[in-house]
Amino acid sequence: MLKICIFLFTIVYLITSVSMNPGIISTALLPLALAIIMFGLGLSLKLTDFKQIFLYPKAMITGSFTQLVLLPVLGFIIAALLLKNSPELAIGLIILAMCPGGPTSNLLTHLANGDTALCISLTAISSIVKIFTIPLMVNIAIGHYMGIASEFHLDVLSSILKIVTITIVPAAIGMVVKALAPGFSQKAQKPVKIMSAIFLVLVIFAAIYQERGSIVQSMVLAGPAALLLNLSGMLLGYYIPKLFNLPLPQQITISIETSIQNGTLAIAIASSPLMLGNATMAIPAVVYSLIMFITAGLFISLVNRRKAKPVTA
């Protein structure tokens, strides 16, 4: 395992050492980062996890609604309200809203004493479903903000295949590894999570580097929209399940799953030459990736404090 970690760190070093070439960053670092992140998700998955769909149908339907329907709708609304004069940032926010939940949500749900099994299932379901919805909805957003004749567009079939290659295939490999070598899988999860965190940081820095000339202005514009999307998803993800009388652990889970997005995938779709190749569109995902850990930390602290508070008669 140590040799594997050293090998992966060597790859990171080689890639970042040529960071003066943004094309290499976009074509090499992003797919590799996503592959490792999704492989890590696969290591935590097993086929029996999907039984949650049948064991807790109300929770699965509610969580899927907030992640697959509510968050994209919020993305379109917030983009129209706050970013209508910045088409590329508006499209970038919608790309982010269309992406599935991030694998990090599983760890955060555990820290918040939520329903981890439900969270893993929701992440897996959204990762599968959104493969097909991302290209369609992103093209609609591009057509709305930049016109049908815009040079930017996603070829639907090609985009689906690329997203499958960098997300579902590594996750499936991780599941196979878990099934065939559960002991190795258990030992590998921690180093893979560490590598995922390192790659996320590198991806964010790479995206910032590509937009270094206008990064401050872009982040100032995208910041309020990203924060509003995050907080809206978190609050609605918490209170909508409450309306359906779901237990507190499931409310916490759906709230985290709705507000933690796969920012690396959003950055890849926006900035990779294999997809849209527009670094400005990646800025909302960069800002969101920074914001979501801060708000999630505050949320976890709040819910744990409320649980610890003694009940008075």
C-alpha atoms as a PDB file:
ATOM      1  CA  MET A   1       0.000   0.000   0.000  1.00  0.00           C
ATOM      2  CA  LEU A   2       2.900   2.330   0.791  1.00  0.00           C
ATOM      3  CA  LYS A   3       4.293   1.731  -2.696  1.00  0.00           C
ATOM      4  CA  ILE A   4       0.907   2.582  -4.219  1.00  0.00           C
ATOM      5  CA  CYS A   5       0.720   5.831  -2.245  1.00  0.00           C
ATOM      6  CA  ILE A   6       4.273   6.778  -3.248  1.00  0.00           C
ATOM      7  CA  PHE A   7       3.413   6.036  -6.862  1.00  0.00           C
ATOM      8  CA  LEU A   8       0.288   8.192  -6.727  1.00  0.00           C
ATOM      9  CA  PHE A   9       2.135  11.058  -5.056  1.00  0.00           C
ATOM     10  CA  THR A  10       4.767  10.823  -7.796  1.00  0.00           C
ATOM     11  CA  ILE A  11       2.065  11.171 -10.421  1.00  0.00           C
ATOM     12  CA  VAL A  12       0.681  14.238  -8.636  1.00  0.00           C
ATOM     13  CA  TYR A  13       4.143  15.778  -8.476  1.00  0.00           C
ATOM     14  CA  LEU A  14       4.800  15.171 -12.164  1.00  0.00           C
ATOM     15  CA  ILE A  15       1.472  16.648 -13.157  1.00  0.00           C
ATOM     16  CA  THR A  16       1.694  19.727 -10.967  1.00  0.00           C
ATOM     17  CA  SER A  17       5.309  20.312 -11.975  1.00  0.00           C
ATOM     18  CA  VAL A  18       4.075  21.140 -15.456  1.00  0.00           C
ATOM     19  CA  SER A  19       1.309  23.413 -14.172  1.00  0.00           C
ATOM     20  CA  MET A  20       2.604  26.190 -16.383  1.00  0.00           C
ATOM     21  CA  ASN A  21       0.785  24.330 -19.141  1.00  0.00           C
ATOM     22  CA  PRO A  22      -2.945  24.586 -18.317  1.00  0.00           C
ATOM     23  CA  GLY A  23      -3.796  22.128 -21.113  1.00  0.00           C
ATOM     24  CA  ILE A  24      -1.899  19.367 -19.342  1.00  0.00           C
ATOM     25  CA  ILE A  25      -3.653  20.221 -16.076  1.00  0.00           C
ATOM     26  CA  SER A  26      -7.090  19.978 -17.670  1.00  0.00           C
ATOM     27  CA  THR A  27      -6.485  16.847 -19.689  1.00  0.00           C
ATOM     28  CA  ALA A  28      -4.423  14.883 -17.164  1.00  0.00           C
ATOM     29  CA  LEU A  29      -5.043  16.101 -13.606  1.00  0.00           C
ATOM     30  CA  LEU A  30      -8.835  16.351 -13.725  1.00  0.00           C
ATOM     31  CA  PRO A  31      -9.575  12.859 -15.116  1.00  0.00           C
ATOM     32  CA  LEU A  32      -7.028  11.320 -12.738  1.00  0.00           C
ATOM     33  CA  ALA A  33      -8.475  13.216  -9.780  1.00  0.00           C
ATOM     34  CA  LEU A  34     -12.011  12.127 -10.623  1.00  0.00           C
ATOM     35  CA  ALA A  35     -10.947   8.533 -11.162  1.00  0.00           C
ATOM     36  CA  ILE A  36      -9.328   8.345  -7.715  1.00  0.00           C
ATOM     37  CA  ILE A  37     -12.267  10.078  -6.017  1.00  0.00           C
ATOM     38  CA  MET A  38     -14.811   7.769  -7.644  1.00  0.00           C
ATOM     39  CA  PHE A  39     -12.628   4.699  -7.009  1.00  0.00           C
ATOM     40  CA  GLY A  40     -12.740   5.697  -3.348  1.00  0.00           C
ATOM     41  CA  LEU A  41     -16.535   5.881  -3.520  1.00  0.00           C
ATOM     42  CA  GLY A  42     -16.599   2.385  -5.036  1.00  0.00           C
ATOM     43  CA  LEU A  43     -14.504   1.041  -2.156  1.00  0.00           C
ATOM     44  CA  SER A  44     -17.311   2.055   0.213  1.00  0.00           C
ATOM     45  CA  LEU A  45     -20.090   0.538  -1.931  1.00  0.00           C
ATOM     46  CA  LYS A  46     -21.528  -2.932  -2.214  1.00  0.00           C
ATOM     47  CA  LEU A  47     -24.528  -4.173  -4.165  1.00  0.00           C
ATOM     48  CA  THR A  48     -26.539  -4.744  -0.989  1.00  0.00           C
ATOM     49  CA  ASP A  49     -26.360  -1.004  -0.307  1.00  0.00           C
ATOM     50  CA  PHE A  50     -28.949  -0.545  -3.031  1.00  0.00           C
ATOM     51  CA  LYS A  51     -31.442  -2.419  -0.842  1.00  0.00           C
ATOM     52  CA  GLN A  52     -31.944   0.956   0.844  1.00  0.00           C
ATOM     53  CA  ILE A  53     -34.171   1.852  -2.107  1.00  0.00           C
ATOM     54  CA  PHE A  54     -36.642  -0.795  -0.991  1.00  0.00           C
ATOM     55  CA  LEU A  55     -36.039  -0.664   2.771  1.00  0.00           C
ATOM     56  CA  TYR A  56     -36.563   3.106   3.017  1.00  0.00           C
ATOM     57  CA  PRO A  57     -38.500   4.129  -0.107  1.00  0.00           C
ATOM     58  CA  LYS A  58     -39.805   7.394   1.383  1.00  0.00           C
ATOM     59  CA  ALA A  59     -36.307   8.516   2.352  1.00  0.00           C
ATOM     60  CA  MET A  60     -34.872   7.506  -1.027  1.00  0.00           C
ATOM     61  CA  ILE A  61     -37.639   9.283  -2.968  1.00  0.00           C
ATOM     62  CA  THR A  62     -37.321  12.428  -0.831  1.00  0.00           C
ATOM     63  CA  GLY A  63     -33.524  12.489  -1.056  1.00  0.00           C
ATOM     64  CA  SER A  64     -33.564  11.813  -4.791  1.00  0.00           C
ATOM     65  CA  PHE A  65     -36.078  14.624  -5.286  1.00  0.00           C
ATOM     66  CA  THR A  66     -33.957  17.200  -3.452  1.00  0.00           C
ATOM     67  CA  GLN A  67     -30.765  16.135  -5.248  1.00  0.00           C
ATOM     68  CA  LEU A  68     -32.062  15.364  -8.754  1.00  0.00           C
ATOM     69  CA  VAL A  69     -34.877  17.914  -9.101  1.00  0.00           C
ATOM     70  CA  LEU A  70     -34.778  20.612  -6.433  1.00  0.00           C
ATOM     71  CA  LEU A  71     -31.073  21.505  -6.620  1.00  0.00           C
ATOM     72  CA  PRO A  72     -31.008  21.911 -10.445  1.00  0.00           C
ATOM     73  CA  VAL A  73     -34.133  24.091 -10.247  1.00  0.00           C
ATOM     74  CA  LEU A  74     -32.450  26.208  -7.570  1.00  0.00           C
ATOM     75  CA  GLY A  75     -29.380  26.450  -9.807  1.00  0.00           C
ATOM     76  CA  PHE A  76     -31.389  27.847 -12.721  1.00  0.00           C
ATOM     77  CA  ILE A  77     -33.296  30.288 -10.474  1.00  0.00           C
ATOM     78  CA  ILE A  78     -30.211  31.609  -8.653  1.00  0.00           C
ATOM     79  CA  ALA A  79     -28.275  31.932 -11.917  1.00  0.00           C
ATOM     80  CA  ALA A  80     -31.146  33.968 -13.390  1.00  0.00           C
ATOM     81  CA  LEU A  81     -31.347  36.220 -10.330  1.00  0.00           C
ATOM     82  CA  LEU A  82     -27.666  36.841  -9.550  1.00  0.00           C
ATOM     83  CA  LEU A  83     -25.627  35.953 -12.648  1.00  0.00           C
ATOM     84  CA  LYS A  84     -27.791  36.969 -15.598  1.00  0.00           C
ATOM     85  CA  ASN A  85     -25.138  39.511 -16.686  1.00  0.00           C
ATOM     86  CA  SER A  86     -22.333  36.928 -16.442  1.00  0.00           C
ATOM     87  CA  PRO A  87     -23.370  34.129 -18.846  1.00  0.00           C
ATOM     88  CA  GLU A  88     -20.311  31.930 -18.326  1.00  0.00           C
ATOM     89  CA  LEU A  89     -20.624  32.057 -14.530  1.00  0.00           C
ATOM     90  CA  ALA A  90     -24.373  31.396 -14.780  1.00  0.00           C
ATOM     91  CA  ILE A  91     -23.736  28.299 -16.893  1.00  0.00           C
ATOM     92  CA  GLY A  92     -21.007  27.233 -14.465  1.00  0.00           C
ATOM     93  CA  LEU A  93     -23.423  27.435 -11.523  1.00  0.00           C
ATOM     94  CA  ILE A  94     -25.965  25.343 -13.418  1.00  0.00           C
ATOM     95  CA  ILE A  95     -23.292  22.761 -14.276  1.00  0.00           C
ATOM     96  CA  LEU A  96     -22.498  22.521 -10.576  1.00  0.00           C
ATOM     97  CA  ALA A  97     -26.167  22.172  -9.618  1.00  0.00           C
ATOM     98  CA  MET A  98     -26.570  19.399 -12.191  1.00  0.00           C
ATOM     99  CA  CYS A  99     -23.674  17.352 -10.795  1.00  0.00           C
ATOM    100  CA  PRO A 100     -24.276  14.483  -8.358  1.00  0.00           C
ATOM    101  CA  GLY A 101     -23.505  14.580  -4.672  1.00  0.00           C
ATOM    102  CA  GLY A 102     -19.861  14.367  -3.697  1.00  0.00           C
ATOM    103  CA  PRO A 103     -18.399  11.197  -2.157  1.00  0.00           C
ATOM    104  CA  THR A 104     -17.232  13.367   0.756  1.00  0.00           C
ATOM    105  CA  SER A 105     -20.868  13.542   1.861  1.00  0.00           C
ATOM    106  CA  ASN A 106     -20.516   9.987   3.195  1.00  0.00           C
ATOM    107  CA  LEU A 107     -17.783  11.027   5.641  1.00  0.00           C
ATOM    108  CA  LEU A 108     -19.619  14.198   6.659  1.00  0.00           C
ATOM    109  CA  THR A 109     -22.830  12.238   7.240  1.00  0.00           C
ATOM    110  CA  HIS A 110     -20.921   9.867   9.510  1.00  0.00           C
ATOM    111  CA  LEU A 111     -19.482  12.808  11.477  1.00  0.00           C
ATOM    112  CA  ALA A 112     -22.991  14.254  11.844  1.00  0.00           C
ATOM    113  CA  ASN A 113     -24.392  10.906  13.044  1.00  0.00           C
ATOM    114  CA  GLY A 114     -26.668  10.693  10.021  1.00  0.00           C
ATOM    115  CA  ASP A 115     -27.799   7.625   8.084  1.00  0.00           C
ATOM    116  CA  THR A 116     -24.585   6.679   6.289  1.00  0.00           C
ATOM    117  CA  ALA A 117     -26.116   3.756   4.390  1.00  0.00           C
ATOM    118  CA  LEU A 118     -28.806   6.063   2.990  1.00  0.00           C
ATOM    119  CA  CYS A 119     -26.170   8.649   2.052  1.00  0.00           C
ATOM    120  CA  ILE A 120     -24.053   6.092   0.163  1.00  0.00           C
ATOM    121  CA  SER A 121     -27.120   4.905  -1.746  1.00  0.00           C
ATOM    122  CA  LEU A 122     -28.224   8.456  -2.614  1.00  0.00           C
ATOM    123  CA  THR A 123     -24.722   9.333  -3.862  1.00  0.00           C
ATOM    124  CA  ALA A 124     -24.645   6.218  -6.024  1.00  0.00           C
ATOM    125  CA  ILE A 125     -28.125   6.816  -7.471  1.00  0.00           C
ATOM    126  CA  SER A 126     -27.475  10.482  -8.265  1.00  0.00           C
ATOM    127  CA  SER A 127     -24.110   9.610  -9.844  1.00  0.00           C
ATOM    128  CA  ILE A 128     -25.837   7.202 -12.213  1.00  0.00           C
ATOM    129  CA  VAL A 129     -28.897   9.290 -13.077  1.00  0.00           C
ATOM    130  CA  LYS A 130     -27.061  12.567 -13.623  1.00  0.00           C
ATOM    131  CA  ILE A 131     -24.771  11.030 -16.229  1.00  0.00           C
ATOM    132  CA  PHE A 132     -27.715  11.298 -18.608  1.00  0.00           C
ATOM    133  CA  THR A 133     -29.207  14.593 -17.425  1.00  0.00           C
ATOM    134  CA  ILE A 134     -26.017  16.700 -17.270  1.00  0.00           C
ATOM    135  CA  PRO A 135     -25.386  17.028 -21.049  1.00  0.00           C
ATOM    136  CA  LEU A 136     -29.029  17.780 -21.819  1.00  0.00           C
ATOM    137  CA  MET A 137     -29.560  20.416 -19.118  1.00  0.00           C
ATOM    138  CA  VAL A 138     -26.155  22.062 -19.608  1.00  0.00           C
ATOM    139  CA  ASN A 139     -26.883  22.481 -23.310  1.00  0.00           C
ATOM    140  CA  ILE A 140     -30.224  24.072 -22.434  1.00  0.00           C
ATOM    141  CA  ALA A 141     -28.395  26.508 -20.137  1.00  0.00           C
ATOM    142  CA  ILE A 142     -25.818  27.313 -22.825  1.00  0.00           C
ATOM    143  CA  GLY A 143     -28.562  27.898 -25.384  1.00  0.00           C
ATOM    144  CA  HIS A 144     -30.384  30.225 -22.970  1.00  0.00           C
ATOM    145  CA  TYR A 145     -27.383  32.320 -21.909  1.00  0.00           C
ATOM    146  CA  MET A 146     -25.144  32.206 -24.981  1.00  0.00           C
ATOM    147  CA  GLY A 147     -27.469  31.356 -27.849  1.00  0.00           C
ATOM    148  CA  ILE A 148     -27.971  28.191 -29.851  1.00  0.00           C
ATOM    149  CA  ALA A 149     -25.138  29.176 -32.192  1.00  0.00           C
ATOM    150  CA  SER A 150     -22.621  29.317 -29.327  1.00  0.00           C
ATOM    151  CA  GLU A 151     -19.304  27.536 -29.875  1.00  0.00           C
ATOM    152  CA  PHE A 152     -19.752  25.888 -26.484  1.00  0.00           C
ATOM    153  CA  HIS A 153     -21.900  22.781 -26.354  1.00  0.00           C
ATOM    154  CA  LEU A 154     -21.764  19.202 -25.106  1.00  0.00           C
ATOM    155  CA  ASP A 155     -22.230  16.369 -27.552  1.00  0.00           C
ATOM    156  CA  VAL A 156     -24.767  14.326 -25.610  1.00  0.00           C
ATOM    157  CA  LEU A 157     -23.636  10.779 -26.446  1.00  0.00           C
ATOM    158  CA  SER A 158     -19.941  11.615 -26.311  1.00  0.00           C
ATOM    159  CA  SER A 159     -20.355  13.453 -22.992  1.00  0.00           C
ATOM    160  CA  ILE A 160     -22.268  10.566 -21.456  1.00  0.00           C
ATOM    161  CA  LEU A 161     -19.490   8.150 -22.453  1.00  0.00           C
ATOM    162  CA  LYS A 162     -16.774  10.454 -21.078  1.00  0.00           C
ATOM    163  CA  ILE A 163     -18.596  10.962 -17.777  1.00  0.00           C
ATOM    164  CA  VAL A 164     -19.148   7.196 -17.477  1.00  0.00           C
ATOM    165  CA  THR A 165     -15.439   6.617 -18.117  1.00  0.00           C
ATOM    166  CA  ILE A 166     -14.233   9.018 -15.423  1.00  0.00           C
ATOM    167  CA  THR A 167     -16.923   8.324 -12.808  1.00  0.00           C
ATOM    168  CA  ILE A 168     -18.856   5.051 -13.090  1.00  0.00           C
ATOM    169  CA  VAL A 169     -15.994   2.863 -14.356  1.00  0.00           C
ATOM    170  CA  PRO A 170     -13.611   3.745 -11.461  1.00  0.00           C
ATOM    171  CA  ALA A 171     -16.487   3.380  -8.969  1.00  0.00           C
ATOM    172  CA  ALA A 172     -17.341  -0.038 -10.432  1.00  0.00           C
ATOM    173  CA  ILE A 173     -13.687  -1.087 -10.172  1.00  0.00           C
ATOM    174  CA  GLY A 174     -13.722   0.010  -6.532  1.00  0.00           C
ATOM    175  CA  MET A 175     -16.831  -2.109  -5.905  1.00  0.00           C
ATOM    176  CA  VAL A 176     -15.177  -5.139  -7.516  1.00  0.00           C
ATOM    177  CA  VAL A 177     -12.081  -4.645  -5.376  1.00  0.00           C
ATOM    178  CA  LYS A 178     -14.271  -4.428  -2.256  1.00  0.00           C
ATOM    179  CA  ALA A 179     -16.119  -7.625  -3.220  1.00  0.00           C
ATOM    180  CA  LEU A 180     -13.003  -9.652  -4.085  1.00  0.00           C
ATOM    181  CA  ALA A 181     -10.608  -8.295  -1.472  1.00  0.00           C
ATOM    182  CA  PRO A 182     -12.577  -6.768   1.431  1.00  0.00           C
ATOM    183  CA  GLY A 183      -9.514  -6.658   3.692  1.00  0.00           C
ATOM    184  CA  PHE A 184      -7.461  -4.761   1.125  1.00  0.00           C
ATOM    185  CA  SER A 185     -10.439  -2.512   0.426  1.00  0.00           C
ATOM    186  CA  GLN A 186     -10.758  -1.607   4.101  1.00  0.00           C
ATOM    187  CA  LYS A 187      -7.058  -0.743   4.364  1.00  0.00           C
ATOM    188  CA  ALA A 188      -7.101   1.214   1.092  1.00  0.00           C
ATOM    189  CA  GLN A 189     -10.023   3.487   1.988  1.00  0.00           C
ATOM    190  CA  LYS A 190      -8.044   5.844   4.248  1.00  0.00           C
ATOM    191  CA  PRO A 191      -5.118   6.481   1.833  1.00  0.00           C
ATOM    192  CA  VAL A 192      -7.538   6.870  -1.072  1.00  0.00           C
ATOM    193  CA  LYS A 193      -9.553   9.437   0.903  1.00  0.00           C
ATOM    194  CA  ILE A 194      -6.352  11.330   1.656  1.00  0.00           C
ATOM    195  CA  MET A 195      -5.408  11.249  -2.026  1.00  0.00           C
ATOM    196  CA  SER A 196      -8.908  12.429  -2.958  1.00  0.00           C
ATOM    197  CA  ALA A 197      -8.575  15.430  -0.640  1.00  0.00           C
ATOM    198  CA  ILE A 198      -5.124  16.253  -2.054  1.00  0.00           C
ATOM    199  CA  PHE A 199      -6.407  16.008  -5.611  1.00  0.00           C
ATOM    200  CA  LEU A 200      -9.394  18.238  -4.815  1.00  0.00           C
ATOM    201  CA  VAL A 201      -7.016  20.914  -3.505  1.00  0.00           C
ATOM    202  CA  LEU A 202      -4.801  20.575  -6.589  1.00  0.00           C
ATOM    203  CA  VAL A 203      -7.801  20.791  -8.918  1.00  0.00           C
ATOM    204  CA  ILE A 204      -8.989  23.973  -7.191  1.00  0.00           C
ATOM    205  CA  PHE A 205      -5.538  25.548  -7.415  1.00  0.00           C
ATOM    206  CA  ALA A 206      -5.253  24.514 -11.065  1.00  0.00           C
ATOM    207  CA  ALA A 207      -8.613  26.123 -11.871  1.00  0.00           C
ATOM    208  CA  ILE A 208      -7.610  29.300 -10.029  1.00  0.00           C
ATOM    209  CA  TYR A 209      -4.291  29.375 -11.909  1.00  0.00           C
ATOM    210  CA  GLN A 210      -6.063  29.149 -15.261  1.00  0.00           C
ATOM    211  CA  GLU A 211      -8.221  32.156 -14.379  1.00  0.00           C
ATOM    212  CA  ARG A 212      -5.557  34.066 -12.435  1.00  0.00           C
ATOM    213  CA  GLY A 213      -6.080  37.226 -14.496  1.00  0.00           C
ATOM    214  CA  SER A 214      -9.715  37.675 -13.484  1.00  0.00           C
ATOM    215  CA  ILE A 215     -10.097  35.267 -10.584  1.00  0.00           C
ATOM    216  CA  VAL A 216     -10.853  37.882  -7.913  1.00  0.00           C
ATOM    217  CA  GLN A 217     -13.595  39.559  -9.940  1.00  0.00           C
ATOM    218  CA  SER A 218     -15.092  36.210 -10.967  1.00  0.00           C
ATOM    219  CA  MET A 219     -15.093  34.875  -7.405  1.00  0.00           C
ATOM    220  CA  VAL A 220     -16.705  38.057  -6.095  1.00  0.00           C
ATOM    221  CA  LEU A 221     -19.484  37.634  -8.663  1.00  0.00           C
ATOM    222  CA  ALA A 222     -19.872  33.870  -8.216  1.00  0.00           C
ATOM    223  CA  GLY A 223     -19.471  33.816  -4.416  1.00  0.00           C
ATOM    224  CA  PRO A 224     -22.953  35.001  -3.351  1.00  0.00           C
ATOM    225  CA  ALA A 225     -24.629  32.717  -5.907  1.00  0.00           C
ATOM    226  CA  ALA A 226     -22.590  29.692  -4.805  1.00  0.00           C
ATOM    227  CA  LEU A 227     -23.279  30.424  -1.130  1.00  0.00           C
ATOM    228  CA  LEU A 228     -27.012  30.857  -1.764  1.00  0.00           C
ATOM    229  CA  LEU A 229     -27.167  27.581  -3.708  1.00  0.00           C
ATOM    230  CA  ASN A 230     -25.326  25.774  -0.924  1.00  0.00           C
ATOM    231  CA  LEU A 231     -27.422  27.156   1.929  1.00  0.00           C
ATOM    232  CA  SER A 232     -30.704  26.719   0.025  1.00  0.00           C
ATOM    233  CA  GLY A 233     -29.879  23.090  -0.710  1.00  0.00           C
ATOM    234  CA  MET A 234     -28.830  22.478   2.885  1.00  0.00           C
ATOM    235  CA  LEU A 235     -31.916  24.078   4.464  1.00  0.00           C
ATOM    236  CA  LEU A 236     -34.454  22.606   2.049  1.00  0.00           C
ATOM    237  CA  GLY A 237     -32.686  19.253   2.228  1.00  0.00           C
ATOM    238  CA  TYR A 238     -33.220  19.357   5.995  1.00  0.00           C
ATOM    239  CA  TYR A 239     -36.766  20.685   6.248  1.00  0.00           C
ATOM    240  CA  ILE A 240     -38.451  18.894   3.318  1.00  0.00           C
ATOM    241  CA  PRO A 241     -37.732  15.457   4.879  1.00  0.00           C
ATOM    242  CA  LYS A 242     -39.018  16.880   8.165  1.00  0.00           C
ATOM    243  CA  LEU A 243     -42.355  17.648   6.477  1.00  0.00           C
ATOM    244  CA  PHE A 244     -42.596  13.949   5.612  1.00  0.00           C
ATOM    245  CA  ASN A 245     -41.816  12.939   9.203  1.00  0.00           C
ATOM    246  CA  LEU A 246     -38.533  11.276   8.363  1.00  0.00           C
ATOM    247  CA  PRO A 247     -36.309  10.601  11.401  1.00  0.00           C
ATOM    248  CA  LEU A 248     -33.582  13.097  12.293  1.00  0.00           C
ATOM    249  CA  PRO A 249     -30.651  10.983  11.008  1.00  0.00           C
ATOM    250  CA  GLN A 250     -32.302  10.858   7.579  1.00  0.00           C
ATOM    251  CA  GLN A 251     -33.018  14.602   7.629  1.00  0.00           C
ATOM    252  CA  ILE A 252     -29.337  15.216   8.352  1.00  0.00           C
ATOM    253  CA  THR A 253     -28.290  12.827   5.588  1.00  0.00           C
ATOM    254  CA  ILE A 254     -30.494  14.369   2.908  1.00  0.00           C
ATOM    255  CA  SER A 255     -29.413  17.874   3.909  1.00  0.00           C
ATOM    256  CA  ILE A 256     -25.733  16.992   3.557  1.00  0.00           C
ATOM    257  CA  GLU A 257     -26.269  15.008   0.373  1.00  0.00           C
ATOM    258  CA  THR A 258     -28.128  17.923  -1.221  1.00  0.00           C
ATOM    259  CA  SER A 259     -25.508  20.521  -0.295  1.00  0.00           C
ATOM    260  CA  ILE A 260     -22.274  18.581  -0.937  1.00  0.00           C
ATOM    261  CA  GLN A 261     -21.635  18.477  -4.681  1.00  0.00           C
ATOM    262  CA  ASN A 262     -19.019  16.700  -6.797  1.00  0.00           C
ATOM    263  CA  GLY A 263     -17.129  19.925  -7.510  1.00  0.00           C
ATOM    264  CA  THR A 264     -14.294  18.088  -9.251  1.00  0.00           C
ATOM    265  CA  LEU A 265     -16.707  16.742 -11.848  1.00  0.00           C
ATOM    266  CA  ALA A 266     -18.201  20.217 -12.357  1.00  0.00           C
ATOM    267  CA  ILE A 267     -14.721  21.698 -12.848  1.00  0.00           C
ATOM    268  CA  ALA A 268     -13.845  18.928 -15.295  1.00  0.00           C
ATOM    269  CA  ILE A 269     -17.001  19.440 -17.374  1.00  0.00           C
ATOM    270  CA  ALA A 270     -16.457  23.195 -17.467  1.00  0.00           C
ATOM    271  CA  SER A 271     -12.713  23.496 -18.014  1.00  0.00           C
ATOM    272  CA  SER A 272     -11.451  20.288 -19.580  1.00  0.00           C
ATOM    273  CA  PRO A 273     -10.698  20.560 -23.327  1.00  0.00           C
ATOM    274  CA  LEU A 274     -12.432  17.184 -23.620  1.00  0.00           C
ATOM    275  CA  MET A 275     -15.708  18.815 -22.531  1.00  0.00           C
ATOM    276  CA  LEU A 276     -16.460  22.583 -22.655  1.00  0.00           C
ATOM    277  CA  GLY A 277     -12.901  23.895 -22.270  1.00  0.00           C
ATOM    278  CA  ASN A 278     -13.963  27.125 -20.532  1.00  0.00           C
ATOM    279  CA  ALA A 279     -12.094  27.896 -17.308  1.00  0.00           C
ATOM    280  CA  THR A 280     -14.434  30.760 -16.346  1.00  0.00           C
ATOM    281  CA  MET A 281     -17.361  28.329 -16.143  1.00  0.00           C
ATOM    282  CA  ALA A 282     -15.406  26.383 -13.516  1.00  0.00           C
ATOM    283  CA  ILE A 283     -15.246  29.306 -11.070  1.00  0.00           C
ATOM    284  CA  PRO A 284     -18.642  28.673  -9.381  1.00  0.00           C
ATOM    285  CA  ALA A 285     -17.573  25.084  -8.690  1.00  0.00           C
ATOM    286  CA  VAL A 286     -14.245  26.285  -7.288  1.00  0.00           C
ATOM    287  CA  VAL A 287     -15.971  28.736  -4.940  1.00  0.00           C
ATOM    288  CA  TYR A 288     -18.624  26.192  -3.987  1.00  0.00           C
ATOM    289  CA  SER A 289     -15.985  23.550  -3.201  1.00  0.00           C
ATOM    290  CA  LEU A 290     -14.443  25.934  -0.690  1.00  0.00           C
ATOM    291  CA  ILE A 291     -17.741  27.095   0.800  1.00  0.00           C
ATOM    292  CA  MET A 292     -19.413  23.704   1.216  1.00  0.00           C
ATOM    293  CA  PHE A 293     -16.891  22.378   3.732  1.00  0.00           C
ATOM    294  CA  ILE A 294     -17.234  25.475   5.900  1.00  0.00           C
ATOM    295  CA  THR A 295     -21.039  25.398   5.924  1.00  0.00           C
ATOM    296  CA  ALA A 296     -21.064  21.610   6.380  1.00  0.00           C
ATOM    297  CA  GLY A 297     -18.737  21.942   9.366  1.00  0.00           C
ATOM    298  CA  LEU A 298     -21.021  24.532  10.952  1.00  0.00           C
ATOM    299  CA  PHE A 299     -24.077  22.384  10.209  1.00  0.00           C
ATOM    300  CA  ILE A 300     -22.482  19.276  11.767  1.00  0.00           C
ATOM    301  CA  SER A 301     -21.461  21.262  14.841  1.00  0.00           C
ATOM    302  CA  LEU A 302     -24.992  22.615  15.206  1.00  0.00           C
ATOM    303  CA  VAL A 303     -26.825  19.285  14.863  1.00  0.00           C
ATOM    304  CA  ASN A 304     -24.404  17.498  17.197  1.00  0.00           C
ATOM    305  CA  ARG A 305     -24.807  20.272  19.770  1.00  0.00           C
ATOM    306  CA  ARG A 306     -28.598  20.002  19.571  1.00  0.00           C
ATOM    307  CA  LYS A 307     -28.404  16.239  20.053  1.00  0.00           C
ATOM    308  CA  ALA A 308     -26.165  16.666  23.074  1.00  0.00           C
ATOM    309  CA  LYS A 309     -28.500  19.215  24.713  1.00  0.00           C
ATOM    310  CA  PRO A 310     -30.478  17.544  27.546  1.00  0.00           C
ATOM    311  CA  VAL A 311     -34.232  17.376  27.191  1.00  0.00           C
ATOM    312  CA  THR A 312     -36.065  19.239  29.946  1.00  0.00           C
ATOM    313  CA  ALA A 313     -39.532  18.344  31.101  1.00  0.00           C
END
